[in-house]
Amino acid sequence: MRAALIVGASGDIGQAVAKKLAHDGWSLYLHYFEHEQVVTSQIATFQAAYPNQDFIPLQYDLTDDRHLDDLTAQLFSLDAVIFAAGMTYYHLFKDTTVSELTTLMRVHLLTPMALLTKIEHKLAQSGHGRVVFIGSVYGGAGSAM
């Protein structure tokens, strides 16, 4: 059975990806940071609909890469990782502090890249590992991203 890690599974994009992959027969590791209820609710729905698949919640703060080994120790076989996590600051780029820029870089680039260095061997073992980055850009409000 194929298995995927969805980073940012509690967001709208992550939820949609999880729904599609679960429907297509994938077992899922569902990452979240603060929105545990969203993920646990989705897991309950998936377990009822797809009892032969596994759905595992993973809580992790993407601004802190010091505990990536703890996260990756929970991952067994892995055929895909989908990065759908994101955050922003709701003000103009010119008003963004260096600290905010650092946080944005950690969430969107540095921690995902560090995670990939730790799981790359699992993706290679699958024979056809996949890495996907998904994001959205919106124009309704000024944003640092």
N, C-alpha and C. Protein backbone atom coordinates (compact mmCIF):
# COMPACT_ATOMS: atom_id res chain seq x y z
N MET A 1 0.85 -1.18 0.00
CA MET A 1 0.00 0.00 0.00
C MET A 1 0.89 1.24 0.00
N ARG A 2 0.53 2.20 -0.81
CA ARG A 2 1.31 3.43 -0.89
C ARG A 2 1.03 4.31 0.33
N ALA A 3 2.06 5.06 0.74
CA ALA A 3 1.94 5.94 1.90
C ALA A 3 2.50 7.31 1.57
N ALA A 4 1.80 8.34 2.03
CA ALA A 4 2.22 9.71 1.79
C ALA A 4 2.20 10.50 3.09
N LEU A 5 3.15 11.41 3.21
CA LEU A 5 3.17 12.40 4.28
C LEU A 5 2.64 13.69 3.71
N ILE A 6 1.59 14.22 4.33
CA ILE A 6 1.06 15.52 3.92
C ILE A 6 1.42 16.51 5.01
N VAL A 7 2.35 17.40 4.69
CA VAL A 7 2.77 18.44 5.62
C VAL A 7 1.80 19.61 5.44
N GLY A 8 1.10 19.96 6.51
CA GLY A 8 0.07 20.98 6.42
C GLY A 8 -1.29 20.38 6.11
N ALA A 9 -1.55 19.19 6.63
CA ALA A 9 -2.80 18.49 6.34
C ALA A 9 -4.02 19.17 6.95
N SER A 10 -3.83 20.08 7.88
CA SER A 10 -4.98 20.74 8.52
C SER A 10 -5.46 21.96 7.75
N GLY A 11 -4.71 22.40 6.77
CA GLY A 11 -5.13 23.54 5.95
C GLY A 11 -6.07 23.10 4.84
N ASP A 12 -6.66 24.06 4.16
CA ASP A 12 -7.61 23.74 3.10
C ASP A 12 -6.99 22.91 1.98
N ILE A 13 -5.81 23.30 1.54
CA ILE A 13 -5.15 22.55 0.46
C ILE A 13 -4.78 21.15 0.95
N GLY A 14 -4.18 21.07 2.13
CA GLY A 14 -3.80 19.78 2.70
C GLY A 14 -4.98 18.85 2.89
N GLN A 15 -6.11 19.40 3.33
CA GLN A 15 -7.31 18.58 3.51
C GLN A 15 -7.80 18.03 2.18
N ALA A 16 -7.78 18.86 1.15
CA ALA A 16 -8.23 18.42 -0.17
C ALA A 16 -7.31 17.33 -0.73
N VAL A 17 -6.01 17.51 -0.56
CA VAL A 17 -5.06 16.50 -1.02
C VAL A 17 -5.27 15.19 -0.25
N ALA A 18 -5.44 15.29 1.05
CA ALA A 18 -5.66 14.09 1.88
C ALA A 18 -6.93 13.35 1.44
N LYS A 19 -7.98 14.08 1.19
CA LYS A 19 -9.25 13.47 0.78
C LYS A 19 -9.07 12.70 -0.53
N LYS A 20 -8.38 13.30 -1.48
CA LYS A 20 -8.16 12.67 -2.78
C LYS A 20 -7.27 11.43 -2.65
N LEU A 21 -6.16 11.56 -1.92
CA LEU A 21 -5.25 10.43 -1.78
C LEU A 21 -5.89 9.28 -1.00
N ALA A 22 -6.63 9.59 0.05
CA ALA A 22 -7.33 8.54 0.81
C ALA A 22 -8.31 7.80 -0.11
N HIS A 23 -9.05 8.55 -0.89
CA HIS A 23 -10.00 7.96 -1.84
C HIS A 23 -9.28 7.05 -2.85
N ASP A 24 -8.05 7.44 -3.21
CA ASP A 24 -7.28 6.67 -4.20
C ASP A 24 -6.50 5.50 -3.58
N GLY A 25 -6.69 5.26 -2.27
CA GLY A 25 -6.10 4.08 -1.65
C GLY A 25 -4.80 4.28 -0.90
N TRP A 26 -4.39 5.52 -0.69
CA TRP A 26 -3.14 5.80 0.02
C TRP A 26 -3.36 5.77 1.53
N SER A 27 -2.37 5.27 2.25
CA SER A 27 -2.29 5.48 3.69
C SER A 27 -1.60 6.82 3.90
N LEU A 28 -1.97 7.53 4.97
CA LEU A 28 -1.50 8.91 5.11
C LEU A 28 -0.95 9.22 6.49
N TYR A 29 0.14 9.95 6.49
CA TYR A 29 0.65 10.63 7.68
C TYR A 29 0.16 12.07 7.54
N LEU A 30 -0.63 12.53 8.49
CA LEU A 30 -1.27 13.84 8.39
C LEU A 30 -0.64 14.80 9.40
N HIS A 31 0.19 15.70 8.90
CA HIS A 31 0.89 16.66 9.75
C HIS A 31 0.01 17.88 10.03
N TYR A 32 0.13 18.37 11.24
CA TYR A 32 -0.51 19.62 11.64
C TYR A 32 0.39 20.27 12.68
N PHE A 33 0.13 21.54 12.96
CA PHE A 33 0.83 22.20 14.06
C PHE A 33 -0.16 22.55 15.16
N GLU A 34 -1.11 23.42 14.85
CA GLU A 34 -2.04 23.90 15.89
C GLU A 34 -3.46 23.35 15.76
N HIS A 35 -3.84 22.87 14.62
CA HIS A 35 -5.24 22.52 14.35
C HIS A 35 -5.47 21.01 14.43
N GLU A 36 -5.25 20.47 15.60
CA GLU A 36 -5.37 19.03 15.82
C GLU A 36 -6.78 18.53 15.51
N GLN A 37 -7.80 19.27 15.90
CA GLN A 37 -9.18 18.82 15.72
C GLN A 37 -9.51 18.61 14.25
N VAL A 38 -8.98 19.45 13.38
CA VAL A 38 -9.23 19.30 11.95
C VAL A 38 -8.71 17.94 11.48
N VAL A 39 -7.50 17.61 11.88
CA VAL A 39 -6.88 16.36 11.45
C VAL A 39 -7.57 15.15 12.10
N THR A 40 -7.87 15.22 13.38
CA THR A 40 -8.52 14.07 14.03
C THR A 40 -9.91 13.82 13.45
N SER A 41 -10.61 14.87 13.11
CA SER A 41 -11.92 14.72 12.48
C SER A 41 -11.79 14.07 11.10
N GLN A 42 -10.80 14.52 10.34
CA GLN A 42 -10.60 13.94 9.02
C GLN A 42 -10.19 12.47 9.13
N ILE A 43 -9.35 12.15 10.10
CA ILE A 43 -8.93 10.76 10.30
C ILE A 43 -10.13 9.88 10.63
N ALA A 44 -11.02 10.36 11.49
CA ALA A 44 -12.22 9.58 11.83
C ALA A 44 -13.05 9.29 10.59
N THR A 45 -13.20 10.29 9.74
CA THR A 45 -13.95 10.12 8.49
C THR A 45 -13.27 9.10 7.59
N PHE A 46 -11.95 9.24 7.45
CA PHE A 46 -11.19 8.33 6.59
C PHE A 46 -11.23 6.89 7.12
N GLN A 47 -11.08 6.72 8.42
CA GLN A 47 -11.07 5.36 9.00
C GLN A 47 -12.41 4.66 8.77
N ALA A 48 -13.49 5.41 8.83
CA ALA A 48 -14.80 4.82 8.57
C ALA A 48 -14.96 4.43 7.10
N ALA A 49 -14.46 5.27 6.21
CA ALA A 49 -14.62 5.03 4.78
C ALA A 49 -13.59 4.05 4.21
N TYR A 50 -12.40 4.05 4.78
CA TYR A 50 -11.29 3.25 4.23
C TYR A 50 -10.61 2.45 5.36
N PRO A 51 -11.27 1.42 5.87
CA PRO A 51 -10.76 0.70 7.05
C PRO A 51 -9.47 -0.08 6.81
N ASN A 52 -9.08 -0.31 5.57
CA ASN A 52 -7.86 -1.06 5.29
C ASN A 52 -6.63 -0.18 5.11
N GLN A 53 -6.80 1.13 5.28
CA GLN A 53 -5.70 2.07 5.15
C GLN A 53 -5.35 2.62 6.53
N ASP A 54 -4.13 3.13 6.65
CA ASP A 54 -3.68 3.74 7.90
C ASP A 54 -3.69 5.26 7.78
N PHE A 55 -4.08 5.92 8.86
CA PHE A 55 -4.12 7.38 8.92
C PHE A 55 -3.51 7.80 10.25
N ILE A 56 -2.36 8.43 10.18
CA ILE A 56 -1.58 8.73 11.38
C ILE A 56 -1.38 10.23 11.52
N PRO A 57 -1.82 10.82 12.64
CA PRO A 57 -1.60 12.25 12.86
C PRO A 57 -0.18 12.51 13.37
N LEU A 58 0.41 13.60 12.91
CA LEU A 58 1.75 14.00 13.35
C LEU A 58 1.74 15.49 13.67
N GLN A 59 1.99 15.84 14.91
CA GLN A 59 2.07 17.25 15.30
C GLN A 59 3.53 17.69 15.26
N TYR A 60 3.80 18.82 14.59
CA TYR A 60 5.17 19.31 14.50
C TYR A 60 5.17 20.79 14.17
N ASP A 61 6.07 21.52 14.82
CA ASP A 61 6.25 22.96 14.59
C ASP A 61 7.32 23.15 13.53
N LEU A 62 6.95 23.60 12.35
CA LEU A 62 7.89 23.76 11.25
C LEU A 62 8.88 24.90 11.45
N THR A 63 8.68 25.72 12.48
CA THR A 63 9.66 26.78 12.75
C THR A 63 10.84 26.26 13.55
N ASP A 64 10.80 25.00 13.97
CA ASP A 64 11.84 24.44 14.83
C ASP A 64 12.31 23.11 14.24
N ASP A 65 13.45 23.12 13.59
CA ASP A 65 13.94 21.90 12.94
C ASP A 65 14.78 21.03 13.87
N ARG A 66 14.87 21.37 15.14
CA ARG A 66 15.71 20.63 16.07
C ARG A 66 15.18 19.23 16.38
N HIS A 67 13.92 18.98 16.13
CA HIS A 67 13.31 17.71 16.51
C HIS A 67 12.85 16.89 15.30
N LEU A 68 13.47 17.14 14.17
CA LEU A 68 13.08 16.40 12.96
C LEU A 68 13.28 14.90 13.11
N ASP A 69 14.29 14.48 13.85
CA ASP A 69 14.50 13.05 14.05
C ASP A 69 13.32 12.41 14.76
N ASP A 70 12.71 13.14 15.70
CA ASP A 70 11.52 12.63 16.39
C ASP A 70 10.37 12.45 15.41
N LEU A 71 10.23 13.40 14.50
CA LEU A 71 9.17 13.32 13.49
C LEU A 71 9.43 12.16 12.53
N THR A 72 10.63 12.09 11.99
CA THR A 72 10.91 11.07 10.98
C THR A 72 10.92 9.66 11.56
N ALA A 73 11.17 9.53 12.85
CA ALA A 73 11.12 8.20 13.49
C ALA A 73 9.72 7.61 13.45
N GLN A 74 8.71 8.45 13.27
CA GLN A 74 7.32 7.99 13.22
C GLN A 74 6.90 7.56 11.82
N LEU A 75 7.77 7.77 10.84
CA LEU A 75 7.47 7.45 9.45
C LEU A 75 8.06 6.09 9.09
N PHE A 76 7.23 5.21 8.57
CA PHE A 76 7.70 3.90 8.15
C PHE A 76 7.93 3.98 6.65
N SER A 77 7.24 3.21 5.86
CA SER A 77 7.42 3.32 4.42
C SER A 77 6.82 4.65 3.94
N LEU A 78 7.39 5.16 2.87
CA LEU A 78 6.96 6.47 2.38
C LEU A 78 7.17 6.53 0.88
N ASP A 79 6.10 6.82 0.16
CA ASP A 79 6.16 6.91 -1.29
C ASP A 79 6.04 8.34 -1.80
N ALA A 80 5.54 9.23 -0.96
CA ALA A 80 5.37 10.62 -1.39
C ALA A 80 5.33 11.54 -0.18
N VAL A 81 5.78 12.75 -0.40
CA VAL A 81 5.61 13.81 0.59
C VAL A 81 5.06 15.02 -0.14
N ILE A 82 4.00 15.57 0.41
CA ILE A 82 3.34 16.75 -0.15
C ILE A 82 3.46 17.86 0.87
N PHE A 83 4.13 18.93 0.48
CA PHE A 83 4.27 20.09 1.35
C PHE A 83 3.17 21.08 1.01
N ALA A 84 2.18 21.18 1.88
CA ALA A 84 1.06 22.10 1.68
C ALA A 84 0.94 23.08 2.85
N ALA A 85 1.93 23.06 3.74
CA ALA A 85 1.89 23.94 4.92
C ALA A 85 2.25 25.36 4.51
N GLY A 86 1.71 26.27 5.24
CA GLY A 86 2.06 27.66 4.96
C GLY A 86 1.55 28.59 6.03
N MET A 87 2.15 29.73 6.06
CA MET A 87 1.71 30.78 6.97
C MET A 87 2.21 32.10 6.38
N THR A 88 1.66 33.17 6.86
CA THR A 88 2.09 34.48 6.38
C THR A 88 1.86 35.51 7.46
N TYR A 89 2.31 36.69 7.19
CA TYR A 89 2.04 37.85 8.04
C TYR A 89 1.20 38.81 7.21
N TYR A 90 0.15 39.31 7.80
CA TYR A 90 -0.80 40.12 7.05
C TYR A 90 -0.43 41.59 7.08
N HIS A 91 0.66 41.89 6.42
CA HIS A 91 1.06 43.27 6.19
C HIS A 91 1.97 43.31 4.97
N LEU A 92 2.32 44.49 4.57
CA LEU A 92 3.14 44.63 3.37
C LEU A 92 4.56 44.13 3.61
N PHE A 93 5.19 43.71 2.54
CA PHE A 93 6.55 43.20 2.62
C PHE A 93 7.49 44.22 3.26
N LYS A 94 7.33 45.48 2.93
CA LYS A 94 8.21 46.52 3.47
C LYS A 94 8.10 46.64 4.99
N ASP A 95 7.01 46.16 5.55
CA ASP A 95 6.81 46.21 7.00
C ASP A 95 7.22 44.91 7.71
N THR A 96 7.78 43.98 6.97
CA THR A 96 8.15 42.69 7.52
C THR A 96 9.51 42.76 8.20
N THR A 97 9.59 42.23 9.41
CA THR A 97 10.84 42.25 10.16
C THR A 97 11.74 41.08 9.74
N VAL A 98 13.00 41.17 10.09
CA VAL A 98 13.93 40.08 9.81
C VAL A 98 13.50 38.81 10.54
N SER A 99 13.00 38.96 11.74
CA SER A 99 12.51 37.80 12.49
C SER A 99 11.35 37.13 11.76
N GLU A 100 10.43 37.92 11.23
CA GLU A 100 9.30 37.36 10.47
C GLU A 100 9.80 36.68 9.20
N LEU A 101 10.75 37.30 8.50
CA LEU A 101 11.31 36.69 7.30
C LEU A 101 11.98 35.36 7.62
N THR A 102 12.68 35.31 8.74
CA THR A 102 13.33 34.08 9.16
C THR A 102 12.29 32.98 9.41
N THR A 103 11.21 33.33 10.08
CA THR A 103 10.14 32.35 10.32
C THR A 103 9.55 31.86 9.01
N LEU A 104 9.28 32.77 8.09
CA LEU A 104 8.73 32.39 6.79
C LEU A 104 9.68 31.45 6.04
N MET A 105 10.97 31.75 6.08
CA MET A 105 11.95 30.90 5.41
C MET A 105 12.01 29.52 6.06
N ARG A 106 11.91 29.47 7.37
CA ARG A 106 11.93 28.17 8.06
C ARG A 106 10.72 27.32 7.66
N VAL A 107 9.55 27.91 7.70
CA VAL A 107 8.32 27.16 7.42
C VAL A 107 8.24 26.70 5.97
N HIS A 108 8.59 27.59 5.04
CA HIS A 108 8.38 27.31 3.63
C HIS A 108 9.57 26.68 2.90
N LEU A 109 10.77 26.81 3.46
CA LEU A 109 11.94 26.33 2.73
C LEU A 109 12.90 25.50 3.59
N LEU A 110 13.42 26.08 4.66
CA LEU A 110 14.50 25.44 5.40
C LEU A 110 14.09 24.13 6.07
N THR A 111 13.00 24.14 6.82
CA THR A 111 12.57 22.90 7.48
C THR A 111 12.12 21.85 6.46
N PRO A 112 11.36 22.21 5.42
CA PRO A 112 11.04 21.20 4.41
C PRO A 112 12.29 20.58 3.77
N MET A 113 13.29 21.40 3.46
CA MET A 113 14.52 20.86 2.87
C MET A 113 15.25 19.96 3.86
N ALA A 114 15.32 20.38 5.12
CA ALA A 114 15.95 19.55 6.15
C ALA A 114 15.20 18.23 6.32
N LEU A 115 13.87 18.29 6.28
CA LEU A 115 13.07 17.07 6.37
C LEU A 115 13.37 16.13 5.20
N LEU A 116 13.47 16.69 4.01
CA LEU A 116 13.76 15.86 2.84
C LEU A 116 15.11 15.15 2.96
N THR A 117 16.10 15.80 3.56
CA THR A 117 17.39 15.12 3.73
C THR A 117 17.26 13.90 4.63
N LYS A 118 16.29 13.93 5.54
CA LYS A 118 16.12 12.83 6.50
C LYS A 118 15.20 11.72 5.99
N ILE A 119 14.37 12.01 4.99
CA ILE A 119 13.44 10.99 4.49
C ILE A 119 13.73 10.57 3.06
N GLU A 120 14.74 11.15 2.46
CA GLU A 120 15.05 10.87 1.07
C GLU A 120 15.29 9.38 0.84
N HIS A 121 15.93 8.70 1.77
CA HIS A 121 16.19 7.26 1.61
C HIS A 121 14.89 6.46 1.62
N LYS A 122 13.90 6.91 2.37
CA LYS A 122 12.60 6.21 2.39
C LYS A 122 11.90 6.38 1.04
N LEU A 123 11.98 7.58 0.48
CA LEU A 123 11.37 7.83 -0.82
C LEU A 123 12.09 7.01 -1.90
N ALA A 124 13.41 6.92 -1.81
CA ALA A 124 14.18 6.15 -2.79
C ALA A 124 13.84 4.66 -2.71
N GLN A 125 13.63 4.15 -1.51
CA GLN A 125 13.30 2.73 -1.33
C GLN A 125 11.98 2.37 -1.99
N SER A 126 11.09 3.33 -2.12
CA SER A 126 9.78 3.03 -2.71
C SER A 126 9.90 2.74 -4.20
N GLY A 127 10.98 3.18 -4.82
CA GLY A 127 11.16 2.95 -6.25
C GLY A 127 10.58 4.05 -7.12
N HIS A 128 9.69 4.82 -6.58
CA HIS A 128 9.09 5.92 -7.34
C HIS A 128 8.60 7.00 -6.38
N GLY A 129 9.51 7.44 -5.53
CA GLY A 129 9.16 8.49 -4.56
C GLY A 129 8.81 9.80 -5.24
N ARG A 130 7.93 10.53 -4.60
CA ARG A 130 7.46 11.80 -5.15
C ARG A 130 7.57 12.88 -4.09
N VAL A 131 7.95 14.09 -4.52
CA VAL A 131 7.98 15.25 -3.65
C VAL A 131 7.21 16.35 -4.36
N VAL A 132 6.21 16.91 -3.67
CA VAL A 132 5.37 17.94 -4.26
C VAL A 132 5.28 19.11 -3.28
N PHE A 133 5.47 20.31 -3.79
CA PHE A 133 5.24 21.53 -3.02
C PHE A 133 4.02 22.22 -3.61
N ILE A 134 3.05 22.52 -2.76
CA ILE A 134 1.84 23.21 -3.19
C ILE A 134 1.66 24.44 -2.32
N GLY A 135 1.36 25.54 -2.94
CA GLY A 135 1.10 26.76 -2.18
C GLY A 135 0.02 27.57 -2.87
N SER A 136 -0.40 28.60 -2.20
CA SER A 136 -1.38 29.48 -2.82
C SER A 136 -0.96 30.92 -2.56
N VAL A 137 -1.27 31.74 -3.49
CA VAL A 137 -1.00 33.16 -3.37
C VAL A 137 -2.35 33.87 -3.49
N TYR A 138 -2.56 34.83 -2.65
CA TYR A 138 -3.84 35.52 -2.65
C TYR A 138 -3.59 37.02 -2.71
N GLY A 139 -4.54 37.74 -3.21
CA GLY A 139 -4.37 39.17 -3.38
C GLY A 139 -5.33 40.01 -2.56
N GLY A 140 -6.06 39.38 -1.65
CA GLY A 140 -7.05 40.11 -0.88
C GLY A 140 -6.48 41.05 0.16
N ALA A 141 -5.25 40.80 0.57
CA ALA A 141 -4.61 41.63 1.59
C ALA A 141 -3.12 41.65 1.32
N GLY A 142 -2.47 42.74 1.71
CA GLY A 142 -1.02 42.80 1.59
C GLY A 142 -0.40 41.70 2.43
N SER A 143 0.64 41.08 1.92
CA SER A 143 1.23 39.94 2.62
C SER A 143 2.73 39.93 2.44
N ALA A 144 3.42 39.40 3.43
CA ALA A 144 4.87 39.27 3.34
C ALA A 144 5.28 38.24 2.30
N MET A 145 4.41 37.36 1.94
CA MET A 145 4.72 36.37 0.92
C MET A 145 4.10 36.80 -0.38
